[in-house]
Amino acid sequence: MTQKVQTKDIINVLESFAPKSLAFEGDPIGLQVGDLNSSVEKVMITLDVLESVVDEAIEQNVDLIIAHHPFIFKPLKSINTNDEKGKIINKLVKHDITVYAAHTNLDIAQGGVNDWLMEQLGLQPEGVVVPTTQDTLYKMVVFVPTSHEDELRNALAEAGAGHIGEYSHCTFNSEGFGTFKPQEGTNPYIGTTNELEKVQELRMETVVPVSILQDVIDQANQAHPYEEMAYDVYPLELDGEPLGLGRMATLNETTTLEQFAQTVKKAFNVPQLRFVGRSNKKVKKVAVIGGDGNKFIHQAKRQGADVLITGDVYYHTAHDALGMGLGMIDPGHHVEEVMKDGLKNELESRTEANGYDVSFVSSNQVTEPFQFLGD
């Protein structure tokens, strides 16, 4: 069964896996233009909010634009509808289009921008480049009739609960009896109104990182047969996986910097790229930081990276990297556009599970500001 949704419903889904708490301090994420209570039927995902993107959204009757790069990065002192930002804001307001930005929180989130970049490269993430926080672990206990234990366990695992090291579906289970009496107005899966029911149930315990706790609860509710799911959540004095910016990976085979640069160029389908270091430098361990990762070259080197893939490499940063023996590959900032389809697919899956009546599209506008001369 589908249902009409509001902007805040879509944002709650987004923030269930990319919470604002992950973002760097001062990053202007969140609502940029519009109303969180507005109705939403169509959502557009874009890397940047340009006038051409807004025109595309208007043409496609979009209600909500979710962007990676904040449209309003610095506070506006005025809104002049004759300048670029003023024109865009004017169009957004006239056509009741809301704009929301998910920036460094989406970079850091598990399964976010840097993981999508890794996926594009065909690499398996092994850790973060710049740890920013530690994911706190919670214990979640759900009481479920034994007839539905497999459905619930699978739902918990697919939502990210019960993962310990390289093992998934980790739960502890103990059998017992649950009792309840359905009151007037209820629609019980088991039992009769005003009669005490006794059901053989399973107490299923599992671990959940706090960053995905709400999403796990939502997915468990979807899989649970009862009208009211009985569950407990309590914190553990255990640290989960470190969260942070960028991702590390190890190549299956050692290659040269130039050969790997060709691989990166092909993977991101860019007309040109730059690389820093000797062409025959051996490359085995790779660091990836979407966007501008210049300030993190020392962290990448400390993590053992032979090469760092990032955008907007500065002249002096390149010299510093050469001096420390770190290769760099710069395919451009715009390769972060992988987030358009990545986020679209993620939100489609999650909103469908919630029964939301909403559609998603990726912007077709090319927001790469640079043009490249041929050889």
Protein backbone atom coordinates (compact mmCIF):
# COMPACT_ATOMS: atom_id res chain seq x y z
CA MET A 1 0.00 0.00 0.00
CA THR A 2 1.41 3.40 -1.01
CA GLN A 3 0.90 6.70 0.74
CA LYS A 4 1.36 10.38 0.03
CA VAL A 5 4.49 11.86 1.55
CA GLN A 6 5.95 15.18 2.58
CA THR A 7 9.45 16.54 2.11
CA LYS A 8 10.32 15.77 5.72
CA ASP A 9 9.45 12.09 5.14
CA ILE A 10 11.99 11.84 2.31
CA ILE A 11 14.59 13.72 4.35
CA ASN A 12 14.03 11.37 7.30
CA VAL A 13 14.74 8.43 5.00
CA LEU A 14 17.90 10.13 3.68
CA GLU A 15 19.13 11.06 7.14
CA SER A 16 18.54 7.53 8.41
CA PHE A 17 21.72 6.49 6.54
CA ALA A 18 23.44 9.88 6.13
CA PRO A 19 22.63 11.70 9.39
CA LYS A 20 23.54 15.36 9.79
CA SER A 21 25.75 14.44 12.74
CA LEU A 22 28.30 12.97 10.31
CA ALA A 23 28.87 16.29 8.52
CA PHE A 24 31.91 18.49 9.05
CA GLU A 25 31.34 21.45 11.34
CA GLY A 26 30.20 24.49 9.37
CA ASP A 27 29.05 22.51 6.34
CA PRO A 28 25.76 24.19 5.27
CA ILE A 29 23.77 21.00 4.76
CA GLY A 30 20.04 20.56 5.14
CA LEU A 31 17.09 22.61 3.93
CA GLN A 32 18.24 25.43 1.62
CA VAL A 33 15.03 26.63 0.00
CA GLY A 34 11.41 25.63 0.55
CA ASP A 35 9.17 23.90 3.07
CA LEU A 36 9.74 20.58 4.85
CA ASN A 37 5.97 20.14 5.13
CA SER A 38 5.35 20.43 1.39
CA SER A 39 3.87 17.46 -0.48
CA VAL A 40 6.22 15.42 -2.65
CA GLU A 41 5.45 13.23 -5.64
CA LYS A 42 8.69 13.59 -7.62
CA VAL A 43 12.29 14.05 -6.45
CA MET A 44 15.31 15.02 -8.55
CA ILE A 45 18.89 14.12 -7.54
CA THR A 46 21.67 16.41 -8.72
CA LEU A 47 25.32 17.14 -7.99
CA ASP A 48 24.88 20.93 -8.31
CA VAL A 49 21.91 23.30 -8.32
CA LEU A 50 22.33 25.48 -11.40
CA GLU A 51 19.66 27.40 -13.29
CA SER A 52 19.63 24.72 -16.01
CA VAL A 53 18.97 22.06 -13.35
CA VAL A 54 16.07 24.08 -11.90
CA ASP A 55 14.63 24.56 -15.41
CA GLU A 56 14.84 20.79 -15.89
CA ALA A 57 13.08 20.26 -12.55
CA ILE A 58 10.31 22.68 -13.53
CA GLU A 59 9.83 20.92 -16.86
CA GLN A 60 9.56 17.54 -15.13
CA ASN A 61 7.19 18.78 -12.37
CA VAL A 62 9.69 18.03 -9.62
CA ASP A 63 8.73 18.92 -6.04
CA LEU A 64 12.05 18.34 -4.29
CA ILE A 65 15.67 18.67 -5.41
CA ILE A 66 18.32 16.84 -3.37
CA ALA A 67 21.81 18.13 -4.16
CA HIS A 68 25.25 17.04 -3.04
CA HIS A 69 26.86 20.48 -3.25
CA PRO A 70 25.04 23.12 -1.17
CA PHE A 71 23.49 25.73 -3.43
CA ILE A 72 23.77 28.38 -0.68
CA PHE A 73 27.26 27.81 0.70
CA LYS A 74 27.68 31.25 2.27
CA PRO A 75 24.92 33.33 3.87
CA LEU A 76 23.18 35.67 1.40
CA LYS A 77 23.02 39.36 2.36
CA SER A 78 20.26 39.98 -0.14
CA ILE A 79 18.27 38.22 -2.86
CA ASN A 80 18.50 40.09 -6.14
CA THR A 81 16.32 38.32 -8.70
CA ASN A 82 18.51 39.72 -11.48
CA ASP A 83 21.67 37.85 -10.40
CA GLU A 84 22.36 34.12 -10.73
CA LYS A 85 21.36 32.91 -7.27
CA GLY A 86 18.43 35.33 -7.09
CA LYS A 87 17.06 34.04 -10.39
CA ILE A 88 17.34 30.45 -9.18
CA ILE A 89 15.66 31.18 -5.83
CA ASN A 90 12.89 33.09 -7.60
CA LYS A 91 12.17 30.13 -9.89
CA LEU A 92 12.25 27.67 -7.01
CA VAL A 93 9.80 29.69 -4.93
CA LYS A 94 7.44 30.37 -7.86
CA HIS A 95 7.24 26.67 -8.69
CA ASP A 96 7.10 25.41 -5.08
CA ILE A 97 10.33 23.41 -5.41
CA THR A 98 12.23 22.61 -2.23
CA VAL A 99 16.03 22.22 -2.20
CA TYR A 100 17.92 20.09 0.31
CA ALA A 101 21.70 19.53 0.44
CA ALA A 102 23.51 16.41 1.71
CA HIS A 103 27.24 17.12 1.48
CA THR A 104 29.95 15.84 3.84
CA ASN A 105 27.43 13.69 5.69
CA LEU A 106 26.81 11.84 2.41
CA ASP A 107 30.58 11.67 1.79
CA ILE A 108 31.20 10.03 5.17
CA ALA A 109 28.11 7.79 5.33
CA GLN A 110 28.57 4.06 4.83
CA GLY A 111 27.33 3.35 1.32
CA GLY A 112 27.64 7.05 0.40
CA VAL A 113 29.61 9.07 -2.16
CA ASN A 114 33.06 7.62 -1.49
CA ASP A 115 31.71 4.07 -1.60
CA TRP A 116 29.99 4.84 -4.91
CA LEU A 117 33.31 6.14 -6.26
CA MET A 118 34.97 2.90 -5.15
CA GLU A 119 32.20 0.91 -6.81
CA GLN A 120 32.77 2.82 -10.05
CA LEU A 121 36.45 1.85 -9.86
CA GLY A 122 35.58 -1.77 -9.16
CA LEU A 123 37.35 -1.68 -5.78
CA GLN A 124 36.29 -3.06 -2.41
CA PRO A 125 36.58 -0.51 0.46
CA GLU A 126 38.75 -1.68 3.36
CA GLY A 127 38.56 1.33 5.66
CA VAL A 128 38.48 5.12 5.79
CA VAL A 129 41.25 7.59 4.96
CA VAL A 130 40.37 10.22 7.57
CA PRO A 131 38.55 8.86 10.66
CA THR A 132 36.09 11.46 11.97
CA THR A 133 33.96 9.54 14.46
CA GLN A 134 33.36 6.12 15.96
CA ASP A 135 30.02 4.47 15.39
CA THR A 136 28.46 3.55 18.76
CA LEU A 137 26.95 0.09 19.00
CA TYR A 138 23.48 -0.62 20.38
CA LYS A 139 21.83 -3.90 21.28
CA MET A 140 18.41 -4.35 19.71
CA VAL A 141 16.03 -7.02 21.04
CA VAL A 142 12.91 -7.92 19.07
CA PHE A 143 10.18 -10.33 20.15
CA VAL A 144 8.76 -12.19 17.15
CA PRO A 145 6.54 -15.27 16.68
CA THR A 146 8.68 -18.26 15.72
CA SER A 147 6.81 -18.51 12.40
CA HIS A 148 8.48 -15.24 11.26
CA GLU A 149 11.97 -15.51 12.68
CA ASP A 150 13.70 -15.99 9.30
CA GLU A 151 11.90 -13.03 7.71
CA LEU A 152 12.84 -10.78 10.60
CA ARG A 153 16.47 -11.94 10.80
CA ASN A 154 16.94 -11.36 7.07
CA ALA A 155 15.34 -7.90 7.28
CA LEU A 156 17.64 -6.93 10.17
CA ALA A 157 20.72 -8.15 8.29
CA GLU A 158 19.77 -6.42 5.04
CA ALA A 159 19.32 -3.16 6.96
CA GLY A 160 22.84 -3.49 8.38
CA ALA A 161 22.25 -5.01 11.81
CA GLY A 162 24.00 -8.13 13.09
CA HIS A 163 27.29 -7.57 11.27
CA ILE A 164 30.38 -8.57 13.28
CA GLY A 165 33.64 -8.47 11.34
CA GLU A 166 33.18 -10.50 8.17
CA TYR A 167 30.06 -12.25 9.54
CA SER A 168 26.47 -11.21 8.86
CA HIS A 169 23.08 -12.31 10.31
CA CYS A 170 24.60 -12.50 13.80
CA THR A 171 21.80 -12.92 16.37
CA PHE A 172 21.17 -14.67 19.70
CA ASN A 173 17.79 -16.34 20.03
CA SER A 174 15.87 -17.70 22.99
CA GLU A 175 12.34 -19.10 23.01
CA GLY A 176 9.53 -18.19 25.36
CA PHE A 177 5.88 -17.12 25.48
CA GLY A 178 4.49 -13.67 24.85
CA THR A 179 1.11 -12.54 26.13
CA PHE A 180 -1.13 -9.69 25.02
CA LYS A 181 -4.81 -8.74 24.95
CA PRO A 182 -5.97 -6.84 21.82
CA GLN A 183 -8.07 -3.79 22.79
CA GLU A 184 -11.08 -2.34 20.97
CA GLY A 185 -10.11 -0.79 17.63
CA THR A 186 -7.08 -3.01 17.06
CA ASN A 187 -6.49 -5.30 14.09
CA PRO A 188 -4.38 -8.10 15.60
CA TYR A 189 -2.37 -10.48 13.41
CA ILE A 190 -2.90 -13.15 16.08
CA GLY A 191 -5.64 -13.24 18.70
CA THR A 192 -9.13 -11.93 19.32
CA THR A 193 -10.26 -8.58 20.69
CA ASN A 194 -10.54 -8.49 24.51
CA GLU A 195 -9.15 -12.01 24.89
CA LEU A 196 -5.75 -12.79 26.39
CA GLU A 197 -3.48 -14.42 23.83
CA LYS A 198 -0.43 -16.57 24.58
CA VAL A 199 2.01 -17.02 21.68
CA GLN A 200 5.25 -18.95 21.31
CA GLU A 201 7.78 -16.26 20.48
CA LEU A 202 11.49 -15.79 19.94
CA ARG A 203 13.61 -13.18 21.69
CA MET A 204 16.05 -12.13 18.93
CA GLU A 205 19.07 -10.05 19.96
CA THR A 206 21.51 -8.34 17.60
CA VAL A 207 23.97 -5.44 17.43
CA VAL A 208 23.20 -2.23 15.52
CA PRO A 209 25.43 0.80 14.82
CA VAL A 210 23.66 3.94 16.01
CA SER A 211 24.14 5.58 12.60
CA ILE A 212 21.61 3.14 11.08
CA LEU A 213 19.50 2.38 14.17
CA GLN A 214 16.33 4.14 13.03
CA ASP A 215 16.52 2.54 9.60
CA VAL A 216 16.93 -0.91 11.16
CA ILE A 217 13.88 -0.29 13.37
CA ASP A 218 11.87 0.80 10.33
CA GLN A 219 12.91 -2.27 8.31
CA ALA A 220 12.14 -4.57 11.26
CA ASN A 221 8.66 -3.05 11.51
CA GLN A 222 8.10 -3.79 7.83
CA ALA A 223 9.02 -7.46 8.27
CA HIS A 224 7.28 -8.01 11.61
CA PRO A 225 3.77 -9.49 11.41
CA TYR A 226 2.36 -7.75 14.49
CA GLU A 227 0.45 -4.50 14.38
CA GLU A 228 2.67 -3.28 17.25
CA MET A 229 6.22 -4.68 17.26
CA ALA A 230 7.66 -5.21 20.76
CA TYR A 231 11.36 -4.36 20.92
CA ASP A 232 14.04 -2.95 23.24
CA VAL A 233 17.12 -0.85 22.40
CA TYR A 234 19.98 -0.11 24.76
CA PRO A 235 23.56 1.18 24.36
CA LEU A 236 26.65 -1.01 24.66
CA GLU A 237 30.06 -0.01 25.97
CA LEU A 238 31.57 -1.10 22.68
CA ASP A 239 32.86 0.89 19.72
CA GLY A 240 31.71 0.06 16.22
CA GLU A 241 33.51 0.64 12.94
CA PRO A 242 35.29 3.99 12.51
CA LEU A 243 33.46 6.40 10.19
CA GLY A 244 35.24 9.02 8.16
CA LEU A 245 36.14 10.67 4.90
CA GLY A 246 37.49 8.74 1.94
CA ARG A 247 38.04 5.04 1.43
CA MET A 248 41.07 2.72 1.23
CA ALA A 249 41.41 -0.30 -1.07
CA THR A 250 44.03 -2.78 -2.22
CA LEU A 251 44.38 -3.71 -5.88
CA ASN A 252 44.35 -7.38 -6.81
CA GLU A 253 47.63 -6.92 -8.65
CA THR A 254 50.38 -4.31 -8.45
CA THR A 255 50.40 -1.95 -11.40
CA THR A 256 52.14 1.28 -12.43
CA LEU A 257 50.86 4.76 -11.69
CA GLU A 258 50.37 5.52 -15.38
CA GLN A 259 48.50 2.27 -16.02
CA PHE A 260 46.27 2.88 -13.00
CA ALA A 261 45.64 6.47 -14.14
CA GLN A 262 44.36 5.02 -17.42
CA THR A 263 42.05 2.73 -15.44
CA VAL A 264 40.70 5.70 -13.46
CA LYS A 265 40.20 7.73 -16.65
CA LYS A 266 38.18 4.93 -18.21
CA ALA A 267 36.17 4.17 -15.05
CA PHE A 268 35.00 7.77 -14.67
CA ASN A 269 34.73 8.39 -18.41
CA VAL A 270 36.61 11.70 -18.23
CA PRO A 271 38.24 13.27 -21.32
CA GLN A 272 41.44 14.10 -19.43
CA LEU A 273 43.03 13.74 -16.04
CA ARG A 274 46.26 14.71 -14.29
CA PHE A 275 48.54 12.54 -12.21
CA VAL A 276 51.45 13.29 -9.91
CA GLY A 277 54.45 10.97 -9.60
CA ARG A 278 56.72 8.82 -11.71
CA SER A 279 54.86 6.99 -14.50
CA ASN A 280 56.43 3.67 -13.46
CA LYS A 281 55.75 4.11 -9.72
CA LYS A 282 54.35 0.87 -8.30
CA VAL A 283 50.76 1.09 -7.08
CA LYS A 284 49.05 -1.47 -4.88
CA LYS A 285 47.20 0.44 -2.14
CA VAL A 286 44.74 3.13 -3.16
CA ALA A 287 43.03 6.00 -1.33
CA VAL A 288 39.96 7.74 -2.74
CA ILE A 289 38.50 11.04 -1.50
CA GLY A 290 35.67 12.56 -3.51
CA GLY A 291 35.75 16.29 -4.20
CA ASP A 292 38.73 18.32 -2.96
CA GLY A 293 40.99 16.13 -0.83
CA ASN A 294 44.14 18.25 -0.95
CA LYS A 295 44.43 18.75 2.81
CA PHE A 296 44.39 15.01 3.48
CA ILE A 297 47.52 13.84 1.65
CA HIS A 298 49.37 13.18 4.93
CA GLN A 299 46.52 11.02 6.25
CA ALA A 300 46.45 9.05 2.98
CA LYS A 301 50.20 8.46 3.22
CA ARG A 302 49.93 7.36 6.86
CA GLN A 303 47.27 4.86 5.85
CA GLY A 304 49.84 3.32 3.50
CA ALA A 305 48.40 4.62 0.23
CA ASP A 306 50.62 4.50 -2.85
CA VAL A 307 48.25 6.86 -4.65
CA LEU A 308 45.41 9.22 -3.72
CA ILE A 309 42.56 9.80 -6.17
CA THR A 310 40.92 13.17 -5.57
CA GLY A 311 39.89 16.34 -7.39
CA ASP A 312 41.15 19.92 -7.64
CA VAL A 313 44.80 19.07 -6.87
CA TYR A 314 46.77 22.25 -6.12
CA TYR A 315 50.23 22.97 -7.53
CA HIS A 316 51.96 23.13 -4.14
CA THR A 317 50.05 20.10 -2.84
CA ALA A 318 51.37 18.16 -5.84
CA HIS A 319 54.94 19.15 -4.88
CA ASP A 320 54.33 18.05 -1.28
CA ALA A 321 52.98 14.70 -2.50
CA LEU A 322 56.02 14.21 -4.71
CA GLY A 323 58.28 14.90 -1.76
CA MET A 324 56.64 12.25 0.41
CA GLY A 325 56.43 9.66 -2.36
CA LEU A 326 52.63 9.73 -2.68
CA GLY A 327 51.16 9.47 -6.16
CA MET A 328 48.05 11.52 -6.97
CA ILE A 329 45.43 11.14 -9.67
CA ASP A 330 43.06 14.03 -10.35
CA PRO A 331 40.06 13.05 -12.52
CA GLY A 332 38.24 16.23 -11.50
CA HIS A 333 35.73 17.24 -8.84
CA HIS A 334 32.84 16.40 -11.12
CA VAL A 335 33.31 12.63 -10.87
CA GLU A 336 31.20 12.92 -7.72
CA GLU A 337 28.25 12.87 -10.12
CA VAL A 338 28.15 9.12 -9.41
CA MET A 339 26.05 10.22 -6.43
CA LYS A 340 23.10 10.99 -8.72
CA ASP A 341 22.32 7.39 -9.58
CA GLY A 342 23.74 6.08 -6.31
CA LEU A 343 21.43 8.18 -4.15
CA LYS A 344 18.49 7.69 -6.51
CA ASN A 345 18.76 3.91 -6.23
CA GLU A 346 19.20 4.05 -2.45
CA LEU A 347 16.18 6.29 -1.90
CA GLU A 348 14.02 4.33 -4.31
CA SER A 349 14.69 1.13 -2.39
CA ARG A 350 14.11 2.67 1.03
CA THR A 351 10.98 4.64 0.18
CA GLU A 352 9.45 1.66 -1.60
CA ALA A 353 9.97 -0.38 1.57
CA ASN A 354 8.06 2.33 3.47
CA GLY A 355 5.22 2.29 0.96
CA TYR A 356 5.80 5.90 -0.11
CA ASP A 357 4.10 7.08 -3.31
CA VAL A 358 7.02 9.01 -4.80
CA SER A 359 9.27 8.80 -7.87
CA PHE A 360 12.93 9.71 -8.33
CA VAL A 361 14.91 10.98 -11.31
CA SER A 362 18.56 11.86 -11.82
CA SER A 363 19.27 15.24 -13.38
CA ASN A 364 20.45 14.97 -16.98
CA GLN A 365 22.16 18.35 -16.87
CA VAL A 366 25.96 18.36 -17.16
CA THR A 367 27.26 20.64 -14.41
CA GLU A 368 30.98 20.15 -15.14
CA PRO A 369 32.18 23.77 -15.54
CA PHE A 370 35.35 22.93 -17.48
CA GLN A 371 35.86 22.23 -21.16
CA PHE A 372 38.84 20.25 -22.43
CA LEU A 373 40.94 20.68 -25.56
CA GLY A 374 41.82 17.56 -27.50
CA ASP A 375 45.35 16.28 -28.07
